[in-house]
């Protein structure tokens, strides 16, 4: 089996364009697409719980923000409610 490798970029709409391939028209080929990564850490497996406890969320996270937050007014009694 003859193999050929080339690099290309994904174009608009997810289209790959391969030019000047050393195969004849109509010749059946097997195609495999791999994503290239320049970041060496991208190939390392993720470690579950590596930074556990380093981030916390306030108990009132889901509460609406006071109008003073959006309107840039002086803090009112709403902020402490």
N, C-alpha and C. Protein backbone atom coordinates (compact mmCIF):
# COMPACT_ATOMS: atom_id res chain seq x y z
N UNK A 1 0.84 -1.17 0.00
CA UNK A 1 0.00 0.00 0.00
C UNK A 1 0.89 1.24 0.00
N UNK A 2 0.60 2.16 -0.87
CA UNK A 2 1.35 3.41 -0.97
C UNK A 2 0.72 4.42 -0.02
N UNK A 3 1.55 5.13 0.80
CA UNK A 3 1.03 6.13 1.72
C UNK A 3 1.56 7.51 1.34
N UNK A 4 0.79 8.51 1.70
CA UNK A 4 1.16 9.88 1.42
C UNK A 4 0.64 10.74 2.56
N UNK A 5 1.47 11.62 3.09
CA UNK A 5 1.05 12.53 4.16
C UNK A 5 1.20 13.96 3.70
N UNK A 6 0.26 14.79 4.12
CA UNK A 6 0.32 16.21 3.82
C UNK A 6 -0.38 16.97 4.93
N UNK A 7 -0.07 18.23 5.09
CA UNK A 7 -0.73 19.08 6.07
C UNK A 7 -1.63 20.06 5.34
N UNK A 8 -2.75 20.35 5.94
CA UNK A 8 -3.68 21.33 5.39
C UNK A 8 -4.43 21.96 6.55
N UNK A 9 -5.21 22.97 6.28
CA UNK A 9 -6.02 23.61 7.31
C UNK A 9 -7.48 23.49 6.93
N UNK A 10 -8.32 23.46 7.95
CA UNK A 10 -9.75 23.38 7.72
C UNK A 10 -10.23 24.74 7.22
N UNK A 11 -10.94 24.72 6.13
CA UNK A 11 -11.45 25.95 5.54
C UNK A 11 -12.86 26.25 6.01
N UNK A 12 -13.48 27.27 5.44
CA UNK A 12 -14.84 27.63 5.81
C UNK A 12 -15.80 26.46 5.63
N UNK A 13 -16.68 26.30 6.58
CA UNK A 13 -17.65 25.21 6.51
C UNK A 13 -17.06 23.85 6.82
N UNK A 14 -15.84 23.81 7.37
CA UNK A 14 -15.22 22.54 7.71
C UNK A 14 -14.68 21.77 6.51
N UNK A 15 -14.39 22.47 5.42
CA UNK A 15 -13.95 21.81 4.18
C UNK A 15 -12.42 21.68 4.18
N UNK A 16 -11.96 20.48 3.88
CA UNK A 16 -10.52 20.22 3.70
C UNK A 16 -10.23 20.18 2.21
N UNK A 17 -9.22 20.91 1.79
CA UNK A 17 -8.84 20.91 0.38
C UNK A 17 -7.45 20.28 0.27
N UNK A 18 -7.37 19.21 -0.48
CA UNK A 18 -6.09 18.52 -0.70
C UNK A 18 -5.73 18.69 -2.16
N UNK A 19 -4.54 19.20 -2.40
CA UNK A 19 -4.11 19.46 -3.78
C UNK A 19 -2.85 18.67 -4.10
N UNK A 20 -2.67 18.38 -5.38
CA UNK A 20 -1.48 17.72 -5.90
C UNK A 20 -1.18 16.39 -5.22
N UNK A 21 -2.21 15.58 -5.04
CA UNK A 21 -2.02 14.26 -4.46
C UNK A 21 -1.48 13.31 -5.53
N UNK A 22 -0.58 12.40 -5.15
CA UNK A 22 0.05 11.51 -6.14
C UNK A 22 -0.79 10.28 -6.47
N UNK A 23 -2.09 10.47 -6.69
CA UNK A 23 -2.97 9.36 -7.00
C UNK A 23 -3.70 9.67 -8.30
N UNK A 24 -4.18 8.65 -8.95
CA UNK A 24 -4.89 8.85 -10.21
C UNK A 24 -6.37 9.13 -9.94
N UNK A 25 -7.02 9.81 -10.87
CA UNK A 25 -8.44 10.11 -10.72
C UNK A 25 -9.23 8.81 -10.59
N UNK A 26 -10.16 8.79 -9.64
CA UNK A 26 -11.01 7.62 -9.44
C UNK A 26 -10.38 6.51 -8.62
N UNK A 27 -9.12 6.65 -8.26
CA UNK A 27 -8.45 5.61 -7.47
C UNK A 27 -9.02 5.61 -6.05
N UNK A 28 -9.43 4.44 -5.53
CA UNK A 28 -9.95 4.41 -4.16
C UNK A 28 -8.81 4.64 -3.16
N UNK A 29 -9.10 5.44 -2.14
CA UNK A 29 -8.10 5.74 -1.11
C UNK A 29 -8.75 5.63 0.26
N UNK A 30 -7.94 5.41 1.27
CA UNK A 30 -8.38 5.42 2.67
C UNK A 30 -7.89 6.73 3.27
N UNK A 31 -8.78 7.49 3.91
CA UNK A 31 -8.42 8.80 4.46
C UNK A 31 -8.57 8.77 5.97
N UNK A 32 -7.56 9.26 6.68
CA UNK A 32 -7.61 9.40 8.14
C UNK A 32 -7.24 10.83 8.47
N UNK A 33 -8.05 11.50 9.29
CA UNK A 33 -7.80 12.90 9.64
C UNK A 33 -7.41 12.95 11.11
N UNK A 34 -6.28 13.61 11.39
CA UNK A 34 -5.81 13.79 12.76
C UNK A 34 -5.70 15.29 13.03
N UNK A 35 -6.04 15.69 14.25
CA UNK A 35 -5.90 17.09 14.63
C UNK A 35 -4.49 17.29 15.15
N UNK A 36 -3.79 18.27 14.55
CA UNK A 36 -2.44 18.60 15.01
C UNK A 36 -2.54 19.59 16.15
N UNK A 37 -1.69 19.42 17.15
CA UNK A 37 -1.66 20.35 18.26
C UNK A 37 -0.24 20.82 18.47
N UNK A 38 -0.07 22.14 18.57
CA UNK A 38 1.26 22.69 18.84
C UNK A 38 1.56 22.67 20.33
N UNK A 39 0.54 22.52 21.16
CA UNK A 39 0.70 22.53 22.60
C UNK A 39 1.06 21.13 23.08
N UNK A 40 2.23 20.98 23.67
CA UNK A 40 2.69 19.66 24.13
C UNK A 40 1.81 19.11 25.24
N UNK A 41 1.20 19.98 26.06
CA UNK A 41 0.39 19.50 27.17
C UNK A 41 -0.97 19.00 26.70
N UNK A 42 -1.37 19.33 25.48
CA UNK A 42 -2.67 18.89 24.99
C UNK A 42 -2.74 17.37 24.86
N UNK A 43 -1.63 16.71 24.68
CA UNK A 43 -1.65 15.26 24.52
C UNK A 43 -1.57 14.53 25.86
N UNK A 44 -1.34 15.25 26.93
CA UNK A 44 -1.26 14.61 28.25
C UNK A 44 -2.68 14.41 28.78
N UNK A 45 -2.91 13.28 29.46
CA UNK A 45 -4.26 13.03 30.00
C UNK A 45 -4.57 14.00 31.14
N UNK A 46 -5.83 14.33 31.28
CA UNK A 46 -6.27 15.20 32.36
C UNK A 46 -6.32 14.41 33.66
N UNK A 47 -6.03 15.09 34.75
CA UNK A 47 -6.03 14.44 36.06
C UNK A 47 -7.21 14.97 36.85
N UNK A 48 -8.15 14.09 37.16
CA UNK A 48 -9.34 14.47 37.90
C UNK A 48 -8.98 14.88 39.32
N UNK A 49 -9.48 16.04 39.77
CA UNK A 49 -9.27 16.50 41.14
C UNK A 49 -7.91 17.12 41.39
N UNK A 50 -7.17 17.45 40.34
CA UNK A 50 -5.82 17.99 40.51
C UNK A 50 -5.81 19.29 41.30
N UNK A 51 -6.79 20.16 41.08
CA UNK A 51 -6.84 21.45 41.76
C UNK A 51 -8.06 21.55 42.68
N UNK A 52 -8.48 20.43 43.22
CA UNK A 52 -9.67 20.40 44.06
C UNK A 52 -9.50 21.33 45.26
N UNK A 53 -10.52 22.15 45.52
CA UNK A 53 -10.50 23.05 46.66
C UNK A 53 -9.84 24.39 46.38
N UNK A 54 -9.29 24.60 45.21
CA UNK A 54 -8.60 25.86 44.91
C UNK A 54 -9.57 26.95 44.46
N UNK A 55 -10.82 26.59 44.18
CA UNK A 55 -11.83 27.55 43.77
C UNK A 55 -13.05 27.36 44.64
N UNK A 56 -13.69 28.46 45.02
CA UNK A 56 -14.92 28.36 45.80
C UNK A 56 -15.97 29.27 45.20
N UNK A 57 -17.22 29.00 45.51
CA UNK A 57 -18.32 29.80 45.00
C UNK A 57 -19.12 30.30 46.19
N UNK A 58 -19.48 31.58 46.16
CA UNK A 58 -20.24 32.19 47.23
C UNK A 58 -21.60 31.52 47.38
N UNK A 59 -22.11 31.48 48.61
CA UNK A 59 -23.42 30.87 48.84
C UNK A 59 -24.55 31.61 48.13
N UNK A 60 -24.37 32.92 47.89
CA UNK A 60 -25.41 33.69 47.22
C UNK A 60 -25.14 33.85 45.72
N UNK A 61 -24.41 32.94 45.13
CA UNK A 61 -24.03 33.02 43.72
C UNK A 61 -25.25 33.16 42.81
N UNK A 62 -26.31 32.43 43.09
CA UNK A 62 -27.49 32.43 42.24
C UNK A 62 -28.44 33.59 42.50
N UNK A 63 -28.18 34.42 43.48
CA UNK A 63 -29.07 35.53 43.82
C UNK A 63 -28.91 36.65 42.79
N UNK A 64 -29.99 37.36 42.49
CA UNK A 64 -29.88 38.48 41.54
C UNK A 64 -28.98 39.58 42.10
N UNK A 65 -28.30 40.28 41.20
CA UNK A 65 -27.46 41.40 41.61
C UNK A 65 -28.34 42.62 41.84
N UNK A 66 -27.95 43.48 42.78
CA UNK A 66 -28.75 44.67 43.06
C UNK A 66 -28.70 45.66 41.89
N UNK A 67 -29.70 46.54 41.82
CA UNK A 67 -29.74 47.54 40.76
C UNK A 67 -28.50 48.41 40.77
N UNK A 68 -27.94 48.66 41.95
CA UNK A 68 -26.76 49.51 42.04
C UNK A 68 -25.58 48.91 41.28
N UNK A 69 -25.54 47.61 41.15
CA UNK A 69 -24.47 46.97 40.38
C UNK A 69 -24.58 47.35 38.91
N UNK A 70 -25.81 47.31 38.38
CA UNK A 70 -26.03 47.57 36.97
C UNK A 70 -26.04 49.06 36.65
N UNK A 71 -26.53 49.87 37.59
CA UNK A 71 -26.71 51.30 37.33
C UNK A 71 -25.57 52.15 37.85
N UNK A 72 -24.60 51.55 38.49
CA UNK A 72 -23.43 52.26 39.04
C UNK A 72 -23.84 53.29 40.09
N UNK A 73 -24.95 53.04 40.80
CA UNK A 73 -25.40 53.92 41.87
C UNK A 73 -24.64 53.62 43.15
N UNK A 74 -24.89 54.45 44.14
CA UNK A 74 -24.33 54.19 45.46
C UNK A 74 -24.98 52.93 46.01
N UNK A 75 -24.24 52.14 46.79
CA UNK A 75 -24.83 50.93 47.37
C UNK A 75 -26.05 51.27 48.20
N UNK A 76 -27.06 50.43 48.10
CA UNK A 76 -28.28 50.64 48.89
C UNK A 76 -28.47 49.47 49.82
N UNK A 77 -29.61 49.44 50.50
CA UNK A 77 -29.91 48.35 51.40
C UNK A 77 -30.10 47.04 50.64
N UNK A 78 -30.36 47.12 49.32
CA UNK A 78 -30.54 45.90 48.52
C UNK A 78 -29.29 45.04 48.52
N UNK A 79 -28.12 45.68 48.56
CA UNK A 79 -26.86 44.95 48.47
C UNK A 79 -26.67 44.05 49.67
N UNK A 80 -27.19 44.44 50.81
CA UNK A 80 -26.99 43.62 52.01
C UNK A 80 -28.12 42.63 52.21
N UNK A 81 -29.17 42.71 51.38
CA UNK A 81 -30.32 41.82 51.54
C UNK A 81 -30.00 40.44 51.03
